[in-house]
Amino acid sequence: MTGYISIENRYEEDWKEARAFLYEIRYMILFYVLGDFLSTYWALNYGFEQNGFLALAMEHFGIGILFIFKMIFILFAYWTYRQLRDSDMKERDTIWNYSKNAITFAGAFLVVNNMMVVVARISLTDLVTLAMM
């Protein structure tokens, strides 16, 4: 039978695709997920969460809700990755690379911001606001 795909083969293809995705977003996981989560946890001892939604969610459900939000975001990124991979757009690789790199940069920014709260008792966003005044 030609064109026959067994469940085992489909599972292997899905797992290979998921591993390729995780490899592609390794820096996003490092900075946006783990780095921001750990630095937020550390910085909360020295300040407060400036994001009102996250502050309210963490007040009611604890710091673990931030990690759950990060995992939901990774699932959304995976859905986006699959949609772009399956599309016929010629810019799909460019869109994916820009998105992936922007999220990684945002994660690095958040880590630096949280570390500044602990070390300098001022956030990077406060410095930007002061510089604009």
C-alpha atoms as a PDB file:
ATOM      1  CA  MET A   1       0.000   0.000   0.000  1.00  0.00           C
ATOM      2  CA  THR A   2       1.523   3.264  -1.030  1.00  0.00           C
ATOM      3  CA  GLY A   3       0.684   6.353   0.926  1.00  0.00           C
ATOM      4  CA  TYR A   4       0.090   4.347   4.091  1.00  0.00           C
ATOM      5  CA  ILE A   5       1.329   6.083   7.251  1.00  0.00           C
ATOM      6  CA  SER A   6       1.415   4.031  10.399  1.00  0.00           C
ATOM      7  CA  ILE A   7       0.736   5.511  13.803  1.00  0.00           C
ATOM      8  CA  GLU A   8       4.340   4.782  14.808  1.00  0.00           C
ATOM      9  CA  ASN A   9       5.704   6.674  11.789  1.00  0.00           C
ATOM     10  CA  ARG A  10       3.412   9.631  12.449  1.00  0.00           C
ATOM     11  CA  TYR A  11       4.494   9.677  16.086  1.00  0.00           C
ATOM     12  CA  GLU A  12       8.152   9.643  15.014  1.00  0.00           C
ATOM     13  CA  GLU A  13       7.561  12.521  12.583  1.00  0.00           C
ATOM     14  CA  ASP A  14       5.763  14.578  15.235  1.00  0.00           C
ATOM     15  CA  TRP A  15       8.505  13.929  17.787  1.00  0.00           C
ATOM     16  CA  LYS A  16      11.221  14.850  15.264  1.00  0.00           C
ATOM     17  CA  GLU A  17       9.378  18.082  14.478  1.00  0.00           C
ATOM     18  CA  ALA A  18       8.945  18.918  18.177  1.00  0.00           C
ATOM     19  CA  ARG A  19      12.662  18.330  18.815  1.00  0.00           C
ATOM     20  CA  ALA A  20      13.575  20.562  15.868  1.00  0.00           C
ATOM     21  CA  PHE A  21      11.269  23.261  17.270  1.00  0.00           C
ATOM     22  CA  LEU A  22      12.775  22.992  20.766  1.00  0.00           C
ATOM     23  CA  TYR A  23      16.263  23.243  19.306  1.00  0.00           C
ATOM     24  CA  GLU A  24      15.285  26.348  17.330  1.00  0.00           C
ATOM     25  CA  ILE A  25      13.862  28.084  20.391  1.00  0.00           C
ATOM     26  CA  ARG A  26      16.610  27.060  22.822  1.00  0.00           C
ATOM     27  CA  TYR A  27      17.613  30.680  23.484  1.00  0.00           C
ATOM     28  CA  MET A  28      13.979  31.699  23.858  1.00  0.00           C
ATOM     29  CA  ILE A  29      13.608  28.983  26.491  1.00  0.00           C
ATOM     30  CA  LEU A  30      16.843  30.046  28.175  1.00  0.00           C
ATOM     31  CA  PHE A  31      16.029  33.761  28.405  1.00  0.00           C
ATOM     32  CA  TYR A  32      12.273  34.223  28.056  1.00  0.00           C
ATOM     33  CA  VAL A  33      11.141  31.183  30.022  1.00  0.00           C
ATOM     34  CA  LEU A  34      13.822  30.124  32.501  1.00  0.00           C
ATOM     35  CA  GLY A  35      15.773  33.371  32.808  1.00  0.00           C
ATOM     36  CA  ASP A  36      12.728  35.579  33.281  1.00  0.00           C
ATOM     37  CA  PHE A  37      11.034  33.130  35.640  1.00  0.00           C
ATOM     38  CA  LEU A  38      14.091  32.705  37.884  1.00  0.00           C
ATOM     39  CA  SER A  39      15.061  36.380  37.860  1.00  0.00           C
ATOM     40  CA  THR A  40      11.450  37.412  38.580  1.00  0.00           C
ATOM     41  CA  TYR A  41      11.361  34.983  41.490  1.00  0.00           C
ATOM     42  CA  TRP A  42      14.634  36.475  42.778  1.00  0.00           C
ATOM     43  CA  ALA A  43      13.591  40.103  42.177  1.00  0.00           C
ATOM     44  CA  LEU A  44      10.226  39.735  43.924  1.00  0.00           C
ATOM     45  CA  ASN A  45      12.119  39.597  47.221  1.00  0.00           C
ATOM     46  CA  TYR A  46      13.440  43.112  46.544  1.00  0.00           C
ATOM     47  CA  GLY A  47      10.567  44.809  44.767  1.00  0.00           C
ATOM     48  CA  PHE A  48       7.207  44.193  43.236  1.00  0.00           C
ATOM     49  CA  GLU A  49       5.837  43.088  39.905  1.00  0.00           C
ATOM     50  CA  GLN A  50       5.175  46.119  37.709  1.00  0.00           C
ATOM     51  CA  ASN A  51       2.855  44.246  35.357  1.00  0.00           C
ATOM     52  CA  GLY A  52      -0.554  44.606  37.004  1.00  0.00           C
ATOM     53  CA  PHE A  53      -2.024  41.478  35.437  1.00  0.00           C
ATOM     54  CA  LEU A  54       0.911  39.298  36.502  1.00  0.00           C
ATOM     55  CA  ALA A  55       0.955  40.860  39.973  1.00  0.00           C
ATOM     56  CA  LEU A  56      -2.721  40.017  40.443  1.00  0.00           C
ATOM     57  CA  ALA A  57      -2.308  36.493  39.057  1.00  0.00           C
ATOM     58  CA  MET A  58       0.745  35.808  41.253  1.00  0.00           C
ATOM     59  CA  GLU A  59      -1.051  37.205  44.292  1.00  0.00           C
ATOM     60  CA  HIS A  60      -3.887  34.726  43.830  1.00  0.00           C
ATOM     61  CA  PHE A  61      -2.053  31.689  42.443  1.00  0.00           C
ATOM     62  CA  GLY A  62       1.601  32.130  43.405  1.00  0.00           C
ATOM     63  CA  ILE A  63       4.737  32.428  41.313  1.00  0.00           C
ATOM     64  CA  GLY A  64       3.991  29.152  39.536  1.00  0.00           C
ATOM     65  CA  ILE A  65       1.328  30.870  37.432  1.00  0.00           C
ATOM     66  CA  LEU A  66       4.106  32.801  35.674  1.00  0.00           C
ATOM     67  CA  PHE A  67       5.710  29.517  34.616  1.00  0.00           C
ATOM     68  CA  ILE A  68       2.327  28.245  33.399  1.00  0.00           C
ATOM     69  CA  PHE A  69       1.885  31.426  31.328  1.00  0.00           C
ATOM     70  CA  LYS A  70       5.340  30.865  29.854  1.00  0.00           C
ATOM     71  CA  MET A  71       4.446  27.285  28.905  1.00  0.00           C
ATOM     72  CA  ILE A  72       1.204  28.456  27.279  1.00  0.00           C
ATOM     73  CA  PHE A  73       3.266  30.972  25.324  1.00  0.00           C
ATOM     74  CA  ILE A  74       5.628  28.208  24.151  1.00  0.00           C
ATOM     75  CA  LEU A  75       2.610  26.178  22.975  1.00  0.00           C
ATOM     76  CA  PHE A  76       1.395  29.236  21.052  1.00  0.00           C
ATOM     77  CA  ALA A  77       4.891  29.651  19.539  1.00  0.00           C
ATOM     78  CA  TYR A  78       4.802  25.989  18.477  1.00  0.00           C
ATOM     79  CA  TRP A  79       1.417  26.485  16.836  1.00  0.00           C
ATOM     80  CA  THR A  80       2.800  29.545  15.012  1.00  0.00           C
ATOM     81  CA  TYR A  81       5.894  27.583  13.979  1.00  0.00           C
ATOM     82  CA  ARG A  82       3.738  24.826  12.465  1.00  0.00           C
ATOM     83  CA  GLN A  83       1.437  27.294  10.722  1.00  0.00           C
ATOM     84  CA  LEU A  84       4.375  29.098   9.152  1.00  0.00           C
ATOM     85  CA  ARG A  85       6.127  25.851   8.243  1.00  0.00           C
ATOM     86  CA  ASP A  86       3.022  24.603   6.436  1.00  0.00           C
ATOM     87  CA  SER A  87       2.332  27.893   4.647  1.00  0.00           C
ATOM     88  CA  ASP A  88       3.333  28.761   1.113  1.00  0.00           C
ATOM     89  CA  MET A  89       4.541  32.261   2.010  1.00  0.00           C
ATOM     90  CA  LYS A  90       8.014  32.991   0.721  1.00  0.00           C
ATOM     91  CA  GLU A  91       8.718  35.184   3.772  1.00  0.00           C
ATOM     92  CA  ARG A  92       7.853  32.464   6.285  1.00  0.00           C
ATOM     93  CA  ASP A  93      11.463  31.830   7.354  1.00  0.00           C
ATOM     94  CA  THR A  94      12.085  35.550   7.753  1.00  0.00           C
ATOM     95  CA  ILE A  95       8.911  36.020   9.806  1.00  0.00           C
ATOM     96  CA  TRP A  96       9.779  33.069  12.040  1.00  0.00           C
ATOM     97  CA  ASN A  97      13.372  34.232  12.579  1.00  0.00           C
ATOM     98  CA  TYR A  98      12.323  37.803  13.411  1.00  0.00           C
ATOM     99  CA  SER A  99       9.649  36.569  15.822  1.00  0.00           C
ATOM    100  CA  LYS A 100      11.958  34.082  17.523  1.00  0.00           C
ATOM    101  CA  ASN A 101      14.753  36.645  17.883  1.00  0.00           C
ATOM    102  CA  ALA A 102      12.422  39.398  19.136  1.00  0.00           C
ATOM    103  CA  ILE A 103      11.055  37.127  21.873  1.00  0.00           C
ATOM    104  CA  THR A 104      14.587  36.060  22.834  1.00  0.00           C
ATOM    105  CA  PHE A 105      15.649  39.722  23.018  1.00  0.00           C
ATOM    106  CA  ALA A 106      12.584  40.527  25.141  1.00  0.00           C
ATOM    107  CA  GLY A 107      13.537  37.683  27.483  1.00  0.00           C
ATOM    108  CA  ALA A 108      17.096  38.978  27.817  1.00  0.00           C
ATOM    109  CA  PHE A 109      15.702  42.477  28.472  1.00  0.00           C
ATOM    110  CA  LEU A 110      13.446  41.111  31.218  1.00  0.00           C
ATOM    111  CA  VAL A 111      16.320  39.237  32.849  1.00  0.00           C
ATOM    112  CA  VAL A 112      18.515  42.361  32.860  1.00  0.00           C
ATOM    113  CA  ASN A 113      15.593  44.426  34.169  1.00  0.00           C
ATOM    114  CA  ASN A 114      14.952  41.992  37.033  1.00  0.00           C
ATOM    115  CA  MET A 115      18.629  41.818  37.939  1.00  0.00           C
ATOM    116  CA  MET A 116      18.840  45.620  38.021  1.00  0.00           C
ATOM    117  CA  VAL A 117      15.923  45.684  40.472  1.00  0.00           C
ATOM    118  CA  VAL A 118      17.918  43.462  42.808  1.00  0.00           C
ATOM    119  CA  VAL A 119      21.368  45.003  42.343  1.00  0.00           C
ATOM    120  CA  ALA A 120      20.648  48.704  41.724  1.00  0.00           C
ATOM    121  CA  ARG A 121      17.142  48.954  43.231  1.00  0.00           C
ATOM    122  CA  ILE A 122      15.888  50.510  39.978  1.00  0.00           C
ATOM    123  CA  SER A 123      14.475  48.849  36.904  1.00  0.00           C
ATOM    124  CA  LEU A 124      15.606  49.343  33.346  1.00  0.00           C
ATOM    125  CA  THR A 125      12.148  50.603  32.463  1.00  0.00           C
ATOM    126  CA  ASP A 126      12.426  53.241  35.218  1.00  0.00           C
ATOM    127  CA  LEU A 127      15.773  54.353  33.778  1.00  0.00           C
ATOM    128  CA  VAL A 128      14.267  54.685  30.313  1.00  0.00           C
ATOM    129  CA  THR A 129      11.384  56.706  31.740  1.00  0.00           C
ATOM    130  CA  LEU A 130      13.808  58.992  33.614  1.00  0.00           C
ATOM    131  CA  ALA A 131      15.917  59.429  30.491  1.00  0.00           C
ATOM    132  CA  MET A 132      12.864  60.499  28.504  1.00  0.00           C
ATOM    133  CA  MET A 133      11.950  63.202  30.998  1.00  0.00           C
END
